[in-house]
Amino acid sequence: MDPEPFFAVGLPQGGPRLGGEGVLPPSSQFIFFFNLKEMLRMKANVGGLDRILRIVIGLVLLSQVFFGMHTIWGLIGVIPLATGLFKFCPFYPLFGLNTCSCKQS
């Protein structure tokens, strides 16, 4: 059986350059691994209070496009609204998080 394809994401050795004034300290370096195949399955990983808050925040932000401030920045509310409605956050598998208590087969 072939091993699952894992990808590593992180900062380059020594950290990012800050305006030519040196680098971040080594303790600020990070790296994490994620399984792309697992992430693309879109298993439910958002549930409970997390889901309700995402939907409410998304609707509040979207309402700013039509009511209130009339700003296009309110369209960013599509992101939490979609993650709440689909019960899937693409960043949760990256960090190994899961707030959904539902059984997954």
Protein backbone atom coordinates (compact mmCIF):
# COMPACT_ATOMS: atom_id res chain seq x y z
CA MET A 1 0.00 0.00 0.00
CA ASP A 2 1.33 3.41 -0.98
CA PRO A 3 1.79 5.93 1.82
CA GLU A 4 -0.57 8.90 1.92
CA PRO A 5 0.89 12.05 0.29
CA PHE A 6 1.81 14.50 3.03
CA PHE A 7 2.79 18.10 2.45
CA ALA A 8 4.81 20.30 4.77
CA VAL A 9 4.18 24.01 5.07
CA GLY A 10 6.30 26.40 7.08
CA LEU A 11 8.74 29.25 7.20
CA PRO A 12 12.15 29.04 5.54
CA GLN A 13 15.15 28.36 7.77
CA GLY A 14 15.91 31.48 9.78
CA GLY A 15 12.41 32.93 9.34
CA PRO A 16 11.23 35.67 7.02
CA ARG A 17 13.26 38.81 6.51
CA LEU A 18 11.84 41.93 8.13
CA GLY A 19 12.59 44.90 5.90
CA GLY A 20 16.27 44.02 5.70
CA GLU A 21 16.70 44.40 9.46
CA GLY A 22 17.47 40.79 10.39
CA VAL A 23 15.25 37.80 10.89
CA LEU A 24 12.66 36.56 13.34
CA PRO A 25 14.07 34.50 16.24
CA PRO A 26 14.27 30.72 15.64
CA SER A 27 11.51 30.10 18.19
CA SER A 28 9.05 31.79 15.82
CA GLN A 29 9.60 29.20 13.09
CA PHE A 30 6.77 26.78 12.51
CA ILE A 31 6.01 23.82 10.36
CA PHE A 32 2.95 21.61 10.10
CA PHE A 33 1.94 18.66 7.99
CA PHE A 34 -1.36 17.95 6.35
CA ASN A 35 -2.81 15.19 4.27
CA LEU A 36 -4.24 16.66 1.06
CA LYS A 37 -6.38 13.62 0.29
CA GLU A 38 -7.99 13.77 3.75
CA MET A 39 -8.63 17.49 3.36
CA LEU A 40 -10.36 17.06 -0.01
CA ARG A 41 -12.85 14.52 1.40
CA MET A 42 -14.63 17.40 3.15
CA LYS A 43 -15.78 15.43 6.18
CA ALA A 44 -17.81 17.53 8.59
CA ASN A 45 -15.44 19.20 11.05
CA VAL A 46 -17.50 22.19 12.23
CA GLY A 47 -20.31 21.62 14.69
CA GLY A 48 -22.25 22.92 17.64
CA LEU A 49 -21.61 26.43 18.87
CA ASP A 50 -18.82 26.89 16.33
CA ARG A 51 -21.28 26.36 13.47
CA ILE A 52 -23.91 28.70 14.92
CA LEU A 53 -21.36 31.47 15.49
CA ARG A 54 -20.02 31.13 11.92
CA ILE A 55 -23.51 31.42 10.44
CA VAL A 56 -24.48 34.41 12.61
CA ILE A 57 -21.18 36.24 11.99
CA GLY A 58 -21.44 35.53 8.26
CA LEU A 59 -24.99 36.91 8.09
CA VAL A 60 -24.04 40.00 10.11
CA LEU A 61 -21.09 40.72 7.82
CA LEU A 62 -23.16 40.13 4.68
CA SER A 63 -25.87 42.45 5.97
CA GLN A 64 -23.30 45.26 5.92
CA VAL A 65 -23.29 45.09 2.11
CA PHE A 66 -27.01 45.87 1.87
CA PHE A 67 -27.76 47.66 5.14
CA GLY A 68 -25.61 49.64 7.53
CA MET A 69 -22.25 50.68 6.11
CA HIS A 70 -22.90 49.62 2.47
CA THR A 71 -19.34 48.39 2.11
CA ILE A 72 -18.10 45.66 -0.21
CA TRP A 73 -15.94 44.31 2.64
CA GLY A 74 -19.09 42.74 4.03
CA LEU A 75 -18.75 40.07 1.33
CA ILE A 76 -16.07 38.48 3.49
CA GLY A 77 -19.08 37.16 5.43
CA VAL A 78 -19.54 34.57 2.68
CA ILE A 79 -16.59 32.63 4.13
CA PRO A 80 -17.88 32.01 7.68
CA LEU A 81 -21.42 31.56 6.34
CA ALA A 82 -20.32 28.88 3.84
CA THR A 83 -18.16 27.04 6.39
CA GLY A 84 -21.07 27.05 8.84
CA LEU A 85 -23.61 25.83 6.28
CA PHE A 86 -21.37 23.12 4.80
CA LYS A 87 -20.03 22.10 8.25
CA PHE A 88 -16.50 22.12 6.83
CA CYS A 89 -13.59 24.47 7.41
CA PRO A 90 -10.60 23.87 5.12
CA PHE A 91 -8.18 25.15 7.78
CA TYR A 92 -9.26 22.69 10.49
CA PRO A 93 -7.55 19.65 8.87
CA LEU A 94 -4.35 21.69 8.58
CA PHE A 95 -4.22 22.08 12.34
CA GLY A 96 -5.90 18.78 13.26
CA LEU A 97 -9.00 20.47 14.69
CA ASN A 98 -12.55 19.10 14.71
CA THR A 99 -15.48 20.61 16.62
CA CYS A 100 -18.10 18.32 15.11
CA SER A 101 -19.36 15.63 17.49
CA CYS A 102 -21.14 13.71 14.72
CA LYS A 103 -20.06 10.14 13.88
CA GLN A 104 -18.15 9.82 10.63
CA SER A 105 -17.75 6.57 8.76
